[in-house]
Amino acid sequence: WRNFTYRMTGDHYYMFEFCYYGNVMIYTFIFLFPESRHLYYASFGFAVGPIGWALALVGCKFVLHSIDSLTSVFIHYTPMLLMWNLHWKTQYSKSRTWWLYDAKNDVFSLEFLKNYYFA
């Protein structure tokens, strides 16, 4: 819907901004390369960093009668919620084949920051 309406108004180049790139990268990590540690750290960093902060700084509003506002909230809020829960709440489970990261034993530490910034 947004692609169609933006193309009609000549604003379709907004579809190349960072928020859309970050969303594509997060979904690429989730669906295509769930074992990629580098893509995991980049996705987490993008989701809770610039995309998450844009929710407050840009002033996305939850207006139920505006599809444009709802789309903006969805684009900025969903990746942050997804990666935050995946990072801090997901436990190791063989049935889900999630072995990349086990939040059960993790704490926010210097080791985490080293892996986050230099992995």
Protein backbone atom coordinates (compact mmCIF):
# COMPACT_ATOMS: atom_id res chain seq x y z
CA TRP A 1 0.00 0.00 0.00
CA ARG A 2 2.73 2.44 0.92
CA ASN A 3 4.66 1.70 -2.25
CA PHE A 4 1.56 2.39 -4.33
CA THR A 5 0.60 5.61 -2.56
CA TYR A 6 4.16 6.93 -2.43
CA ARG A 7 4.63 6.27 -6.14
CA MET A 8 1.44 8.17 -6.90
CA THR A 9 2.64 11.22 -4.95
CA GLY A 10 6.26 11.00 -6.13
CA ASP A 11 7.59 10.11 -2.68
CA HIS A 12 8.66 6.57 -3.59
CA TYR A 13 12.34 7.31 -2.92
CA TYR A 14 11.48 7.32 0.79
CA MET A 15 11.24 3.55 0.40
CA PHE A 16 15.06 3.48 0.21
CA GLU A 17 15.62 4.95 3.67
CA PHE A 18 17.43 3.11 6.44
CA CYS A 19 14.34 1.81 8.23
CA TYR A 20 13.29 -0.28 5.24
CA TYR A 21 16.85 -1.53 4.76
CA GLY A 22 17.02 -2.53 8.42
CA ASN A 23 13.70 -4.38 8.20
CA VAL A 24 14.81 -6.31 5.13
CA MET A 25 18.06 -7.23 6.87
CA ILE A 26 16.25 -8.43 10.00
CA TYR A 27 13.83 -10.58 8.00
CA THR A 28 16.75 -11.92 5.97
CA PHE A 29 18.39 -12.97 9.23
CA ILE A 30 15.21 -14.53 10.63
CA PHE A 31 14.09 -16.45 7.54
CA LEU A 32 17.21 -17.09 5.42
CA PHE A 33 20.32 -17.07 7.63
CA PRO A 34 19.30 -17.75 11.25
CA GLU A 35 22.75 -19.15 12.08
CA SER A 36 24.71 -16.06 11.03
CA ARG A 37 26.22 -14.51 14.15
CA HIS A 38 27.34 -11.34 12.35
CA LEU A 39 23.90 -10.79 10.84
CA TYR A 40 22.41 -11.40 14.28
CA TYR A 41 24.51 -8.70 15.94
CA ALA A 42 23.90 -6.27 13.07
CA SER A 43 20.16 -6.92 13.15
CA PHE A 44 20.01 -6.43 16.91
CA GLY A 45 22.04 -3.25 16.67
CA PHE A 46 19.91 -1.78 13.90
CA ALA A 47 16.62 -2.75 15.54
CA VAL A 48 17.24 -1.38 19.03
CA GLY A 49 19.51 1.39 17.79
CA PRO A 50 18.57 3.72 14.95
CA ILE A 51 15.27 2.07 14.01
CA GLY A 52 14.08 1.90 17.61
CA TRP A 53 15.14 5.44 18.45
CA ALA A 54 13.48 6.77 15.31
CA LEU A 55 10.16 5.75 16.84
CA ALA A 56 10.55 8.42 19.50
CA LEU A 57 12.68 10.96 17.66
CA VAL A 58 10.71 11.15 14.42
CA GLY A 59 7.42 11.22 16.27
CA CYS A 60 5.62 8.18 14.90
CA LYS A 61 2.02 8.38 16.03
CA PHE A 62 -0.38 5.50 16.59
CA VAL A 63 -3.37 6.92 14.72
CA LEU A 64 -5.88 4.19 13.97
CA HIS A 65 -7.60 5.95 11.07
CA SER A 66 -4.34 6.70 9.22
CA ILE A 67 -2.79 3.78 7.35
CA ASP A 68 0.38 5.85 6.81
CA SER A 69 0.85 6.42 10.55
CA LEU A 70 0.14 2.79 11.39
CA THR A 71 2.66 1.66 8.77
CA SER A 72 5.33 3.96 10.23
CA VAL A 73 4.71 2.63 13.73
CA PHE A 74 4.82 -0.96 12.45
CA ILE A 75 8.06 -0.40 10.52
CA HIS A 76 9.82 1.07 13.56
CA TYR A 77 8.30 -0.85 16.47
CA THR A 78 8.16 -4.43 15.18
CA PRO A 79 11.91 -4.94 14.53
CA MET A 80 12.78 -3.54 17.94
CA LEU A 81 10.27 -5.79 19.69
CA LEU A 82 11.30 -8.83 17.65
CA MET A 83 15.05 -8.53 18.19
CA TRP A 84 14.75 -7.49 21.85
CA ASN A 85 12.66 -10.57 22.64
CA LEU A 86 14.84 -12.80 20.51
CA HIS A 87 17.94 -11.53 22.28
CA TRP A 88 16.85 -11.40 25.92
CA LYS A 89 13.91 -13.79 26.21
CA THR A 90 14.60 -16.68 23.85
CA GLN A 91 15.95 -19.75 25.58
CA TYR A 92 17.89 -22.55 23.95
CA SER A 93 15.68 -25.25 22.51
CA LYS A 94 16.66 -28.12 20.21
CA SER A 95 13.12 -28.39 18.89
CA ARG A 96 13.28 -24.81 17.60
CA THR A 97 16.87 -25.26 16.35
CA TRP A 98 17.83 -21.96 17.95
CA TRP A 99 21.39 -22.54 19.07
CA LEU A 100 23.00 -19.27 18.05
CA TYR A 101 22.29 -17.43 21.25
CA ASP A 102 21.13 -18.55 24.70
CA ALA A 103 19.90 -15.63 26.76
CA LYS A 104 19.50 -17.78 29.86
CA ASN A 105 23.14 -17.37 30.88
CA ASP A 106 23.75 -13.94 29.41
CA VAL A 107 24.12 -10.70 31.28
CA PHE A 108 24.81 -7.25 29.93
CA SER A 109 28.57 -7.30 30.37
CA LEU A 110 31.84 -6.22 28.85
CA GLU A 111 32.00 -9.53 26.96
CA PHE A 112 28.62 -8.81 25.36
CA LEU A 113 29.74 -5.33 24.32
CA LYS A 114 32.97 -6.73 22.88
CA ASN A 115 31.03 -9.24 20.78
CA TYR A 116 28.49 -6.61 19.81
CA TYR A 117 30.99 -4.02 18.57
CA PHE A 118 33.89 -6.16 17.37
CA ALA A 119 32.37 -9.46 16.21
